[in-house]
Amino acid sequence: MSNILFINKPFVSVGLGSFTFTVAQAGIHNVKVQLTEVPPSGVVVTITQNAGNVFTSPVITPTQIAQQFKTELVCAVSDAIVVTLSSAAAIDAALNNVKATITLGQGL
């Protein structure tokens, strides 16, 4: 799986999917996700490190128009961090219906 996420370079997603980063330097890394456009549906954000679940967001409710969170991970070289935007609602699958900005950083 190739990297699509890079340190200190915000990535804007315009749909559901999985976005990967491979750690090059051991230490604390942080992942920030900001959902900026969400239809009234059930988007869930999951962050995994080496296939182990690290964070799962609560399901976004129909009254929420945005959500953001940040989580920290202690990583070794070559760890895989994957941010997944998913939903069981068909409306979320359309391109541009769910927009998110994903940012990775080092340190707290």
C-alpha atoms as a PDB file:
ATOM      1  CA  MET A   1       0.000   0.000   0.000  1.00  0.00           C
ATOM      2  CA  SER A   2       1.561   3.330  -0.998  1.00  0.00           C
ATOM      3  CA  ASN A   3       1.645   6.381   1.213  1.00  0.00           C
ATOM      4  CA  ILE A   4      -0.826   9.135   0.563  1.00  0.00           C
ATOM      5  CA  LEU A   5      -0.288  10.956   3.859  1.00  0.00           C
ATOM      6  CA  PHE A   6       2.874  12.903   4.677  1.00  0.00           C
ATOM      7  CA  ILE A   7       4.180  14.600   7.844  1.00  0.00           C
ATOM      8  CA  ASN A   8       2.974  18.202   8.241  1.00  0.00           C
ATOM      9  CA  LYS A   9       1.187  18.237   4.877  1.00  0.00           C
ATOM     10  CA  PRO A  10      -2.596  18.348   5.268  1.00  0.00           C
ATOM     11  CA  PHE A  11      -4.408  15.954   2.946  1.00  0.00           C
ATOM     12  CA  VAL A  12      -7.959  16.777   1.863  1.00  0.00           C
ATOM     13  CA  SER A  13     -10.172  13.787   1.185  1.00  0.00           C
ATOM     14  CA  VAL A  14     -13.285  14.272  -0.936  1.00  0.00           C
ATOM     15  CA  GLY A  15     -14.856  10.907  -0.189  1.00  0.00           C
ATOM     16  CA  LEU A  16     -14.705   7.756   1.852  1.00  0.00           C
ATOM     17  CA  GLY A  17     -11.600   5.573   1.826  1.00  0.00           C
ATOM     18  CA  SER A  18      -8.387   4.558   3.583  1.00  0.00           C
ATOM     19  CA  PHE A  19      -5.316   6.769   3.730  1.00  0.00           C
ATOM     20  CA  THR A  20      -1.893   5.407   4.704  1.00  0.00           C
ATOM     21  CA  PHE A  21       1.344   6.691   6.237  1.00  0.00           C
ATOM     22  CA  THR A  22       4.492   4.637   6.932  1.00  0.00           C
ATOM     23  CA  VAL A  23       6.570   5.919   9.853  1.00  0.00           C
ATOM     24  CA  ALA A  24      10.153   6.852   8.937  1.00  0.00           C
ATOM     25  CA  GLN A  25      11.335   8.044  12.362  1.00  0.00           C
ATOM     26  CA  ALA A  26      10.434   6.417  15.691  1.00  0.00           C
ATOM     27  CA  GLY A  27       8.662   8.517  18.293  1.00  0.00           C
ATOM     28  CA  ILE A  28       5.347  10.124  19.060  1.00  0.00           C
ATOM     29  CA  HIS A  29       3.156  10.958  16.079  1.00  0.00           C
ATOM     30  CA  ASN A  30      -0.209  12.689  16.105  1.00  0.00           C
ATOM     31  CA  VAL A  31      -3.126  12.364  13.748  1.00  0.00           C
ATOM     32  CA  LYS A  32      -5.676  15.140  13.395  1.00  0.00           C
ATOM     33  CA  VAL A  33      -8.883  14.664  11.405  1.00  0.00           C
ATOM     34  CA  GLN A  34     -11.390  17.395  10.697  1.00  0.00           C
ATOM     35  CA  LEU A  35     -14.615  16.472   8.923  1.00  0.00           C
ATOM     36  CA  THR A  36     -15.831  19.660   7.292  1.00  0.00           C
ATOM     37  CA  GLU A  37     -18.734  18.593   5.087  1.00  0.00           C
ATOM     38  CA  VAL A  38     -20.883  15.742   6.235  1.00  0.00           C
ATOM     39  CA  PRO A  39     -24.353  14.820   4.972  1.00  0.00           C
ATOM     40  CA  PRO A  40     -26.888  13.729   7.603  1.00  0.00           C
ATOM     41  CA  SER A  41     -25.619  10.176   7.821  1.00  0.00           C
ATOM     42  CA  GLY A  42     -23.328   7.828   9.732  1.00  0.00           C
ATOM     43  CA  VAL A  43     -19.679   8.580   8.979  1.00  0.00           C
ATOM     44  CA  VAL A  44     -17.139   6.861  11.244  1.00  0.00           C
ATOM     45  CA  VAL A  45     -13.398   7.589  11.331  1.00  0.00           C
ATOM     46  CA  THR A  46     -11.062   4.770  12.365  1.00  0.00           C
ATOM     47  CA  ILE A  47      -7.314   5.053  12.976  1.00  0.00           C
ATOM     48  CA  THR A  48      -5.199   1.900  13.047  1.00  0.00           C
ATOM     49  CA  GLN A  49      -1.526   1.322  13.757  1.00  0.00           C
ATOM     50  CA  ASN A  50      -0.141  -1.904  12.265  1.00  0.00           C
ATOM     51  CA  ALA A  51      -3.722  -3.188  11.820  1.00  0.00           C
ATOM     52  CA  GLY A  52      -4.577  -2.655  15.503  1.00  0.00           C
ATOM     53  CA  ASN A  53      -7.450  -0.270  16.204  1.00  0.00           C
ATOM     54  CA  VAL A  54      -6.208   2.876  17.991  1.00  0.00           C
ATOM     55  CA  PHE A  55      -9.214   5.192  17.681  1.00  0.00           C
ATOM     56  CA  THR A  56     -12.804   5.000  16.472  1.00  0.00           C
ATOM     57  CA  SER A  57     -14.881   8.160  16.338  1.00  0.00           C
ATOM     58  CA  PRO A  58     -18.469   8.206  17.475  1.00  0.00           C
ATOM     59  CA  VAL A  59     -20.975   8.032  14.608  1.00  0.00           C
ATOM     60  CA  ILE A  60     -21.779  11.516  13.383  1.00  0.00           C
ATOM     61  CA  THR A  61     -25.392  12.392  14.088  1.00  0.00           C
ATOM     62  CA  PRO A  62     -27.724  14.123  11.601  1.00  0.00           C
ATOM     63  CA  THR A  63     -27.494  17.379  13.573  1.00  0.00           C
ATOM     64  CA  GLN A  64     -23.683  17.599  13.388  1.00  0.00           C
ATOM     65  CA  ILE A  65     -22.198  19.524  10.489  1.00  0.00           C
ATOM     66  CA  ALA A  66     -18.556  19.015  11.445  1.00  0.00           C
ATOM     67  CA  GLN A  67     -16.315  17.022  13.761  1.00  0.00           C
ATOM     68  CA  GLN A  68     -12.642  17.127  14.614  1.00  0.00           C
ATOM     69  CA  PHE A  69     -10.304  15.171  16.849  1.00  0.00           C
ATOM     70  CA  LYS A  70      -6.625  14.520  17.448  1.00  0.00           C
ATOM     71  CA  THR A  71      -4.933  11.411  18.812  1.00  0.00           C
ATOM     72  CA  GLU A  72      -1.320  10.530  19.609  1.00  0.00           C
ATOM     73  CA  LEU A  73       0.534   7.323  18.745  1.00  0.00           C
ATOM     74  CA  VAL A  74       3.905   5.974  19.906  1.00  0.00           C
ATOM     75  CA  CYS A  75       5.469   4.581  16.746  1.00  0.00           C
ATOM     76  CA  ALA A  76       8.453   2.517  15.657  1.00  0.00           C
ATOM     77  CA  VAL A  77      10.125   2.804  12.261  1.00  0.00           C
ATOM     78  CA  SER A  78       7.992   1.211   9.504  1.00  0.00           C
ATOM     79  CA  ASP A  79       4.756   1.271  11.523  1.00  0.00           C
ATOM     80  CA  ALA A  80       1.742   1.708   9.255  1.00  0.00           C
ATOM     81  CA  ILE A  81      -0.819   4.315  10.278  1.00  0.00           C
ATOM     82  CA  VAL A  82      -4.108   4.075   8.404  1.00  0.00           C
ATOM     83  CA  VAL A  83      -6.953   6.584   8.643  1.00  0.00           C
ATOM     84  CA  THR A  84     -10.239   5.184   7.327  1.00  0.00           C
ATOM     85  CA  LEU A  85     -13.409   7.131   6.609  1.00  0.00           C
ATOM     86  CA  SER A  86     -16.352   4.751   6.343  1.00  0.00           C
ATOM     87  CA  SER A  87     -20.135   4.689   6.463  1.00  0.00           C
ATOM     88  CA  ALA A  88     -23.001   2.268   6.020  1.00  0.00           C
ATOM     89  CA  ALA A  89     -25.173   5.016   4.478  1.00  0.00           C
ATOM     90  CA  ALA A  90     -25.352   5.094   0.686  1.00  0.00           C
ATOM     91  CA  ILE A  91     -25.450   8.912   0.593  1.00  0.00           C
ATOM     92  CA  ASP A  92     -21.902   9.024   1.989  1.00  0.00           C
ATOM     93  CA  ALA A  93     -20.433   6.969  -0.856  1.00  0.00           C
ATOM     94  CA  ALA A  94     -20.862   9.733  -3.441  1.00  0.00           C
ATOM     95  CA  LEU A  95     -17.763  11.752  -4.294  1.00  0.00           C
ATOM     96  CA  ASN A  96     -17.627  15.136  -2.530  1.00  0.00           C
ATOM     97  CA  ASN A  97     -20.363  14.264  -0.003  1.00  0.00           C
ATOM     98  CA  VAL A  98     -17.865  13.751   2.814  1.00  0.00           C
ATOM     99  CA  LYS A  99     -14.867  16.071   3.046  1.00  0.00           C
ATOM    100  CA  ALA A 100     -12.100  15.674   5.591  1.00  0.00           C
ATOM    101  CA  THR A 101      -8.699  17.200   6.244  1.00  0.00           C
ATOM    102  CA  ILE A 102      -6.165  14.710   7.640  1.00  0.00           C
ATOM    103  CA  THR A 103      -2.904  15.992   9.127  1.00  0.00           C
ATOM    104  CA  LEU A 104      -0.029  13.963  10.584  1.00  0.00           C
ATOM    105  CA  GLY A 105       2.630  15.439  12.813  1.00  0.00           C
ATOM    106  CA  GLN A 106       5.528  14.404  15.033  1.00  0.00           C
ATOM    107  CA  GLY A 107       5.440  15.029  18.765  1.00  0.00           C
ATOM    108  CA  LEU A 108       2.466  16.034  20.830  1.00  0.00           C
END
